[in-house]
Amino acid sequence: MNDAIIAGAKKLSELINGTVEAYVDEDGSYYLIGITDMDCRTNARIITQVLDEIYKHTDSINVTILLMEKNAYKSYMEKNKSALKRVL
């Protein structure tokens, strides 16, 4: 797994009160998912901080950061589980 994703996941886990998971799809795109309850204003700051941490470790990476509640996460994974492989 990419060191940048590990660093991003660690930073995300420091910033949220919840669970962090990482996935990769068949094209090599990464998905960092934070399962937590937060408001939109806080989410934007968290995403910025996680991206800042990721880009300390790489110049280029295809990553999507998602912050969602547990029910939304379950629904998302039901729709996408065949396309994603858990890496963290």
Protein backbone atom coordinates (compact mmCIF):
# COMPACT_ATOMS: atom_id res chain seq x y z
CA MET A 1 0.00 0.00 0.00
CA ASN A 2 1.06 3.55 -0.67
CA ASP A 3 2.80 5.35 2.25
CA ALA A 4 0.74 8.45 1.47
CA ILE A 5 -2.49 6.52 2.05
CA ILE A 6 -1.20 5.17 5.35
CA ALA A 7 -0.28 8.71 6.45
CA GLY A 8 -3.66 10.04 5.30
CA ALA A 9 -5.54 7.31 7.14
CA LYS A 10 -3.56 7.99 10.30
CA LYS A 11 -4.28 11.72 10.06
CA LEU A 12 -7.97 11.06 9.44
CA SER A 13 -8.16 8.79 12.49
CA GLU A 14 -6.60 11.57 14.60
CA LEU A 15 -9.20 14.08 13.41
CA ILE A 16 -12.45 12.15 13.71
CA ASN A 17 -14.22 10.32 16.47
CA GLY A 18 -14.98 7.22 14.46
CA THR A 19 -13.64 4.45 12.25
CA VAL A 20 -11.32 4.86 9.26
CA GLU A 21 -11.11 2.39 6.40
CA ALA A 22 -9.13 2.46 3.16
CA TYR A 23 -9.98 0.79 -0.13
CA VAL A 24 -8.50 0.60 -3.61
CA ASP A 25 -10.38 -0.04 -6.84
CA GLU A 26 -9.24 -1.96 -9.92
CA ASP A 27 -7.79 1.22 -11.45
CA GLY A 28 -5.58 1.88 -8.41
CA SER A 29 -7.69 4.74 -7.06
CA TYR A 30 -7.79 4.94 -3.29
CA TYR A 31 -10.76 5.72 -1.04
CA LEU A 32 -10.31 6.85 2.54
CA ILE A 33 -13.58 6.55 4.41
CA GLY A 34 -14.22 8.08 7.81
CA ILE A 35 -17.32 6.72 9.49
CA THR A 36 -18.44 9.42 11.88
CA ASP A 37 -21.03 12.12 12.62
CA MET A 38 -19.89 15.68 11.85
CA ASP A 39 -21.18 18.85 10.27
CA CYS A 40 -20.24 19.95 6.74
CA ARG A 41 -18.05 22.84 7.89
CA THR A 42 -15.93 20.50 10.01
CA ASN A 43 -15.78 17.93 7.20
CA ALA A 44 -14.19 20.41 4.79
CA ARG A 45 -11.45 21.29 7.27
CA ILE A 46 -10.76 17.62 7.96
CA ILE A 47 -10.50 16.75 4.27
CA THR A 48 -8.08 19.63 3.70
CA GLN A 49 -5.86 18.49 6.57
CA VAL A 50 -5.86 14.88 5.36
CA LEU A 51 -4.96 15.93 1.81
CA ASP A 52 -2.17 18.13 3.15
CA GLU A 53 -0.77 15.10 4.99
CA ILE A 54 -1.08 12.84 1.93
CA TYR A 55 0.76 15.31 -0.30
CA LYS A 56 3.68 15.45 2.13
CA HIS A 57 4.37 11.87 0.99
CA THR A 58 3.66 12.03 -2.75
CA ASP A 59 3.33 14.43 -5.64
CA SER A 60 0.55 12.53 -7.36
CA ILE A 61 -2.15 10.13 -6.17
CA ASN A 62 -5.74 9.42 -7.04
CA VAL A 63 -7.59 9.53 -3.72
CA THR A 64 -11.15 10.22 -2.64
CA ILE A 65 -11.91 11.07 0.98
CA LEU A 66 -15.40 10.33 2.21
CA LEU A 67 -16.87 11.22 5.58
CA MET A 68 -20.20 9.61 6.27
CA GLU A 69 -22.53 8.31 8.92
CA LYS A 70 -22.69 4.58 9.61
CA ASN A 71 -25.96 4.01 7.71
CA ALA A 72 -24.68 5.89 4.67
CA TYR A 73 -21.47 3.84 4.82
CA LYS A 74 -23.42 0.57 4.86
CA SER A 75 -25.44 1.66 1.84
CA TYR A 76 -22.33 2.86 0.00
CA MET A 77 -20.52 -0.42 0.59
CA GLU A 78 -23.51 -2.51 -0.51
CA LYS A 79 -23.43 -0.68 -3.84
CA ASN A 80 -19.64 -0.65 -4.27
CA LYS A 81 -18.26 -3.72 -2.46
CA SER A 82 -17.57 -5.66 -5.66
CA ALA A 83 -15.42 -2.81 -7.04
CA LEU A 84 -13.39 -2.09 -3.91
CA LYS A 85 -10.68 -4.05 -2.10
CA ARG A 86 -10.02 -3.17 1.53
CA VAL A 87 -6.40 -2.24 2.18
CA LEU A 88 -6.61 -0.88 5.72
